[in-house]
Amino acid sequence: MYYVIYIVVLIITIARIKNNNECICVVHFSYKHIFQQILIGLALAFILIFTLGIINLVWFHSFSVFQFMKLGVFARVNFFAFQLLVAVTEELLFRGYLLCIFKRITKSAMGAILCTAALFAGLHFVFYQNPVQFVVALIVGLLFAIVLVKNRNCSIYSLILVHLLYDLAICNV
C-alpha cells in the first residue's frame, strides 16, 4: 500500500516540477560536480549515522544501525527498493518542489527552509505518531534544505543519497 502512495506522489511531484522552471533548475542533473555531490551525500550520511549511533549508545546502550542486513535476500532487496522510493519521492517533493514554491511565496530562502522542514517533520509525525520522530525529521529537514540552498555543489541527488543511507541505517525491521 505504501508503495502505491509513494509512486503516486512521485508521479505528481515530477509532473509539477516539469511545469515549473525554478524547480527544474534544482533537479537538473549535471555531471560537472558529480564527484562532489556524491561526497557531500556520503559525508552527510556519515555524520547523521554516526550521531545516531552515539545517541543510541548513550541513551539505549546499543549500536543498532543497518538492522535490515539481518533480513533474507528477498526481504533486503524489497526493503532497499522501498527506502530508495521513499528517498527519491521525499527529496523531490520537499527539496525539489516545495522549497522552490515556498521561496517564491515567502520571498526568502530561510522562510522556505523553515516551511519545508516543518512540513517534512509533520509528515513524519503523522506516519509515526512519535514526537521524537518529529524533532529528528525537523532537524534533518532543516539540515538538508540548508545544505542544498547554501552549498552550490550540493544537489538534490546528494540529498537523495544521504536520505537513502540514513533511512537504511535507522529503520528497524
C-alpha atoms as a PDB file:
ATOM      1  CA  MET A   1       0.000   0.000   0.000  1.00  0.00           C
ATOM      2  CA  TYR A   2       2.795   2.442   0.874  1.00  0.00           C
ATOM      3  CA  TYR A   3       4.474   1.701  -2.464  1.00  0.00           C
ATOM      4  CA  VAL A   4       1.370   2.898  -4.279  1.00  0.00           C
ATOM      5  CA  ILE A   5       1.137   6.087  -2.224  1.00  0.00           C
ATOM      6  CA  TYR A   6       4.776   6.962  -2.806  1.00  0.00           C
ATOM      7  CA  ILE A   7       4.595   6.174  -6.533  1.00  0.00           C
ATOM      8  CA  VAL A   8       1.505   8.378  -6.970  1.00  0.00           C
ATOM      9  CA  VAL A   9       3.128  11.229  -5.018  1.00  0.00           C
ATOM     10  CA  LEU A  10       6.325  10.814  -7.061  1.00  0.00           C
ATOM     11  CA  ILE A  11       4.448  10.972 -10.380  1.00  0.00           C
ATOM     12  CA  ILE A  12       2.512  14.066  -9.305  1.00  0.00           C
ATOM     13  CA  THR A  13       5.686  15.725  -7.997  1.00  0.00           C
ATOM     14  CA  ILE A  14       7.607  15.065 -11.216  1.00  0.00           C
ATOM     15  CA  ALA A  15       4.715  16.482 -13.251  1.00  0.00           C
ATOM     16  CA  ARG A  16       4.635  19.619 -11.057  1.00  0.00           C
ATOM     17  CA  ILE A  17       8.415  20.047 -11.308  1.00  0.00           C
ATOM     18  CA  LYS A  18       8.296  19.762 -15.112  1.00  0.00           C
ATOM     19  CA  ASN A  19       5.817  22.660 -15.201  1.00  0.00           C
ATOM     20  CA  ASN A  20       7.970  24.932 -13.034  1.00  0.00           C
ATOM     21  CA  ASN A  21      11.210  26.392 -14.450  1.00  0.00           C
ATOM     22  CA  GLU A  22      12.566  27.284 -10.985  1.00  0.00           C
ATOM     23  CA  CYS A  23      12.198  23.685  -9.834  1.00  0.00           C
ATOM     24  CA  ILE A  24      13.736  22.243 -12.989  1.00  0.00           C
ATOM     25  CA  CYS A  25      16.960  24.120 -12.147  1.00  0.00           C
ATOM     26  CA  VAL A  26      17.127  22.409  -8.754  1.00  0.00           C
ATOM     27  CA  VAL A  27      16.587  18.880 -10.057  1.00  0.00           C
ATOM     28  CA  HIS A  28      18.555  19.204 -13.298  1.00  0.00           C
ATOM     29  CA  PHE A  29      21.239  16.516 -13.416  1.00  0.00           C
ATOM     30  CA  SER A  30      24.762  17.632 -14.245  1.00  0.00           C
ATOM     31  CA  TYR A  31      27.910  15.551 -14.487  1.00  0.00           C
ATOM     32  CA  LYS A  32      30.035  18.640 -13.761  1.00  0.00           C
ATOM     33  CA  HIS A  33      30.161  18.216  -9.979  1.00  0.00           C
ATOM     34  CA  ILE A  34      29.025  14.590  -9.660  1.00  0.00           C
ATOM     35  CA  PHE A  35      32.009  13.543  -7.526  1.00  0.00           C
ATOM     36  CA  GLN A  36      31.466  16.451  -5.123  1.00  0.00           C
ATOM     37  CA  GLN A  37      27.738  15.690  -4.974  1.00  0.00           C
ATOM     38  CA  ILE A  38      28.428  12.066  -4.054  1.00  0.00           C
ATOM     39  CA  LEU A  39      30.986  13.118  -1.426  1.00  0.00           C
ATOM     40  CA  ILE A  40      28.535  15.606   0.099  1.00  0.00           C
ATOM     41  CA  GLY A  41      25.868  12.902   0.288  1.00  0.00           C
ATOM     42  CA  LEU A  42      28.266  10.382   1.824  1.00  0.00           C
ATOM     43  CA  ALA A  43      29.661  12.922   4.312  1.00  0.00           C
ATOM     44  CA  LEU A  44      26.207  13.981   5.467  1.00  0.00           C
ATOM     45  CA  ALA A  45      25.128  10.353   5.763  1.00  0.00           C
ATOM     46  CA  PHE A  46      28.217   9.515   7.803  1.00  0.00           C
ATOM     47  CA  ILE A  47      27.618  12.451  10.145  1.00  0.00           C
ATOM     48  CA  LEU A  48      23.942  11.580  10.656  1.00  0.00           C
ATOM     49  CA  ILE A  49      24.539   7.845  11.105  1.00  0.00           C
ATOM     50  CA  PHE A  50      27.492   8.420  13.441  1.00  0.00           C
ATOM     51  CA  THR A  51      25.432  10.869  15.507  1.00  0.00           C
ATOM     52  CA  LEU A  52      22.563   8.396  15.626  1.00  0.00           C
ATOM     53  CA  GLY A  53      24.944   5.637  16.710  1.00  0.00           C
ATOM     54  CA  ILE A  54      26.355   7.760  19.525  1.00  0.00           C
ATOM     55  CA  ILE A  55      22.855   8.719  20.704  1.00  0.00           C
ATOM     56  CA  ASN A  56      21.846   5.039  20.658  1.00  0.00           C
ATOM     57  CA  LEU A  57      24.930   4.080  22.630  1.00  0.00           C
ATOM     58  CA  VAL A  58      24.436   6.772  25.266  1.00  0.00           C
ATOM     59  CA  TRP A  59      20.649   6.570  25.520  1.00  0.00           C
ATOM     60  CA  PHE A  60      19.836   2.945  24.776  1.00  0.00           C
ATOM     61  CA  HIS A  61      23.246   1.286  25.348  1.00  0.00           C
ATOM     62  CA  SER A  62      23.206  -0.306  21.899  1.00  0.00           C
ATOM     63  CA  PHE A  63      24.534   0.462  18.446  1.00  0.00           C
ATOM     64  CA  SER A  64      21.659  -0.720  16.286  1.00  0.00           C
ATOM     65  CA  VAL A  65      22.087   0.620  12.780  1.00  0.00           C
ATOM     66  CA  PHE A  66      21.640  -1.157   9.452  1.00  0.00           C
ATOM     67  CA  GLN A  67      19.242  -3.666  11.013  1.00  0.00           C
ATOM     68  CA  PHE A  68      17.912  -4.560   7.548  1.00  0.00           C
ATOM     69  CA  MET A  69      21.075  -6.610   6.981  1.00  0.00           C
ATOM     70  CA  LYS A  70      19.550  -9.272   9.247  1.00  0.00           C
ATOM     71  CA  LEU A  71      16.816  -9.904   6.669  1.00  0.00           C
ATOM     72  CA  GLY A  72      16.856 -12.543   3.978  1.00  0.00           C
ATOM     73  CA  VAL A  73      17.944 -11.590   0.470  1.00  0.00           C
ATOM     74  CA  PHE A  74      14.446 -11.003  -0.970  1.00  0.00           C
ATOM     75  CA  ALA A  75      13.314  -9.006   2.063  1.00  0.00           C
ATOM     76  CA  ARG A  76      16.547  -6.979   1.974  1.00  0.00           C
ATOM     77  CA  VAL A  77      16.086  -6.124  -1.719  1.00  0.00           C
ATOM     78  CA  ASN A  78      12.439  -5.206  -1.096  1.00  0.00           C
ATOM     79  CA  PHE A  79      13.411  -3.051   1.891  1.00  0.00           C
ATOM     80  CA  PHE A  80      16.167  -1.317  -0.116  1.00  0.00           C
ATOM     81  CA  ALA A  81      13.811  -0.676  -3.063  1.00  0.00           C
ATOM     82  CA  PHE A  82      11.189   0.856  -0.788  1.00  0.00           C
ATOM     83  CA  GLN A  83      13.735   3.069   1.002  1.00  0.00           C
ATOM     84  CA  LEU A  84      15.050   4.237  -2.387  1.00  0.00           C
ATOM     85  CA  LEU A  85      11.497   5.097  -3.460  1.00  0.00           C
ATOM     86  CA  VAL A  86      10.958   6.984  -0.191  1.00  0.00           C
ATOM     87  CA  ALA A  87      14.223   8.935  -0.530  1.00  0.00           C
ATOM     88  CA  VAL A  88      13.591   9.922  -4.150  1.00  0.00           C
ATOM     89  CA  THR A  89       9.958  10.879  -3.533  1.00  0.00           C
ATOM     90  CA  GLU A  90      10.526  12.857  -0.340  1.00  0.00           C
ATOM     91  CA  GLU A  91      13.561  14.728  -1.652  1.00  0.00           C
ATOM     92  CA  LEU A  92      11.924  15.640  -4.958  1.00  0.00           C
ATOM     93  CA  LEU A  93       8.747  16.701  -3.146  1.00  0.00           C
ATOM     94  CA  PHE A  94      10.228  18.658  -0.236  1.00  0.00           C
ATOM     95  CA  ARG A  95      13.574  19.956  -1.522  1.00  0.00           C
ATOM     96  CA  GLY A  96      12.953  19.753  -5.281  1.00  0.00           C
ATOM     97  CA  TYR A  97       9.452  21.188  -5.490  1.00  0.00           C
ATOM     98  CA  LEU A  98       8.154  22.667  -2.235  1.00  0.00           C
ATOM     99  CA  LEU A  99      11.382  24.504  -1.422  1.00  0.00           C
ATOM    100  CA  CYS A 100      11.113  26.338  -4.770  1.00  0.00           C
ATOM    101  CA  ILE A 101       7.435  27.094  -4.239  1.00  0.00           C
ATOM    102  CA  PHE A 102       7.985  28.410  -0.704  1.00  0.00           C
ATOM    103  CA  LYS A 103      10.936  30.545  -1.883  1.00  0.00           C
ATOM    104  CA  ARG A 104       8.569  32.269  -4.277  1.00  0.00           C
ATOM    105  CA  ILE A 105       5.791  32.604  -1.680  1.00  0.00           C
ATOM    106  CA  THR A 106       7.942  33.773   1.244  1.00  0.00           C
ATOM    107  CA  LYS A 107      10.478  35.627  -0.923  1.00  0.00           C
ATOM    108  CA  SER A 108      13.088  34.256   1.465  1.00  0.00           C
ATOM    109  CA  ALA A 109      15.353  31.230   1.387  1.00  0.00           C
ATOM    110  CA  MET A 110      15.163  30.922   5.187  1.00  0.00           C
ATOM    111  CA  GLY A 111      11.363  31.107   5.143  1.00  0.00           C
ATOM    112  CA  ALA A 112      11.271  28.380   2.512  1.00  0.00           C
ATOM    113  CA  ILE A 113      13.717  26.251   4.514  1.00  0.00           C
ATOM    114  CA  LEU A 114      11.604  26.576   7.671  1.00  0.00           C
ATOM    115  CA  CYS A 115       8.334  25.819   5.847  1.00  0.00           C
ATOM    116  CA  THR A 116       9.621  22.711   4.095  1.00  0.00           C
ATOM    117  CA  ALA A 117      11.329  21.404   7.239  1.00  0.00           C
ATOM    118  CA  ALA A 118       8.113  21.877   9.230  1.00  0.00           C
ATOM    119  CA  LEU A 119       6.075  20.052   6.576  1.00  0.00           C
ATOM    120  CA  PHE A 120       8.667  17.271   6.376  1.00  0.00           C
ATOM    121  CA  ALA A 121       8.565  16.847  10.159  1.00  0.00           C
ATOM    122  CA  GLY A 122       4.772  17.000  10.178  1.00  0.00           C
ATOM    123  CA  LEU A 123       4.528  14.224   7.595  1.00  0.00           C
ATOM    124  CA  HIS A 124       6.840  12.037   9.662  1.00  0.00           C
ATOM    125  CA  PHE A 125       4.828  12.735  12.790  1.00  0.00           C
ATOM    126  CA  VAL A 126       1.595  11.756  11.013  1.00  0.00           C
ATOM    127  CA  PHE A 127       3.149   8.478   9.853  1.00  0.00           C
ATOM    128  CA  TYR A 128       4.896   7.550  13.106  1.00  0.00           C
ATOM    129  CA  GLN A 129       2.858   9.347  15.802  1.00  0.00           C
ATOM    130  CA  ASN A 130       6.089   9.929  17.689  1.00  0.00           C
ATOM    131  CA  PRO A 131       7.274  13.347  18.927  1.00  0.00           C
ATOM    132  CA  VAL A 132      10.910  12.206  18.807  1.00  0.00           C
ATOM    133  CA  GLN A 133      10.459  11.358  15.118  1.00  0.00           C
ATOM    134  CA  PHE A 134       9.009  14.848  14.597  1.00  0.00           C
ATOM    135  CA  VAL A 135      12.065  16.506  16.169  1.00  0.00           C
ATOM    136  CA  VAL A 136      14.531  14.309  14.264  1.00  0.00           C
ATOM    137  CA  ALA A 137      12.713  14.903  10.957  1.00  0.00           C
ATOM    138  CA  LEU A 138      12.623  18.646  11.658  1.00  0.00           C
ATOM    139  CA  ILE A 139      16.381  18.730  12.259  1.00  0.00           C
ATOM    140  CA  VAL A 140      17.089  16.552   9.218  1.00  0.00           C
ATOM    141  CA  GLY A 141      14.717  18.638   7.064  1.00  0.00           C
ATOM    142  CA  LEU A 142      16.438  21.852   8.174  1.00  0.00           C
ATOM    143  CA  LEU A 143      19.882  20.367   7.564  1.00  0.00           C
ATOM    144  CA  PHE A 144      19.050  19.035   4.107  1.00  0.00           C
ATOM    145  CA  ALA A 145      17.416  22.273   2.943  1.00  0.00           C
ATOM    146  CA  ILE A 146      20.188  24.487   4.328  1.00  0.00           C
ATOM    147  CA  VAL A 147      22.895  22.389   2.690  1.00  0.00           C
ATOM    148  CA  LEU A 148      21.022  22.433  -0.628  1.00  0.00           C
ATOM    149  CA  VAL A 149      20.488  26.191  -0.547  1.00  0.00           C
ATOM    150  CA  LYS A 150      23.913  27.216   0.812  1.00  0.00           C
ATOM    151  CA  ASN A 151      26.242  24.770  -0.988  1.00  0.00           C
ATOM    152  CA  ARG A 152      26.300  25.248  -4.736  1.00  0.00           C
ATOM    153  CA  ASN A 153      27.964  21.847  -5.238  1.00  0.00           C
ATOM    154  CA  CYS A 154      25.171  20.064  -3.394  1.00  0.00           C
ATOM    155  CA  SER A 155      22.300  18.820  -5.480  1.00  0.00           C
ATOM    156  CA  ILE A 156      19.013  17.066  -4.963  1.00  0.00           C
ATOM    157  CA  TYR A 157      20.901  13.877  -5.846  1.00  0.00           C
ATOM    158  CA  SER A 158      23.297  14.383  -2.911  1.00  0.00           C
ATOM    159  CA  LEU A 159      20.264  14.606  -0.663  1.00  0.00           C
ATOM    160  CA  ILE A 160      18.641  11.516  -2.168  1.00  0.00           C
ATOM    161  CA  LEU A 161      21.841   9.588  -1.423  1.00  0.00           C
ATOM    162  CA  VAL A 162      22.099  10.802   2.175  1.00  0.00           C
ATOM    163  CA  HIS A 163      18.371  10.250   2.731  1.00  0.00           C
ATOM    164  CA  LEU A 164      18.630   6.683   1.436  1.00  0.00           C
ATOM    165  CA  LEU A 165      21.683   5.820   3.513  1.00  0.00           C
ATOM    166  CA  TYR A 166      20.209   7.434   6.620  1.00  0.00           C
ATOM    167  CA  ASP A 167      16.909   5.571   6.243  1.00  0.00           C
ATOM    168  CA  LEU A 168      18.728   2.280   5.660  1.00  0.00           C
ATOM    169  CA  ALA A 169      20.761   2.895   8.805  1.00  0.00           C
ATOM    170  CA  ILE A 170      17.963   3.903  11.159  1.00  0.00           C
ATOM    171  CA  CYS A 171      14.971   1.830  10.103  1.00  0.00           C
ATOM    172  CA  ASN A 172      14.328  -1.079  12.400  1.00  0.00           C
ATOM    173  CA  VAL A 173      12.948  -4.191  10.780  1.00  0.00           C
END
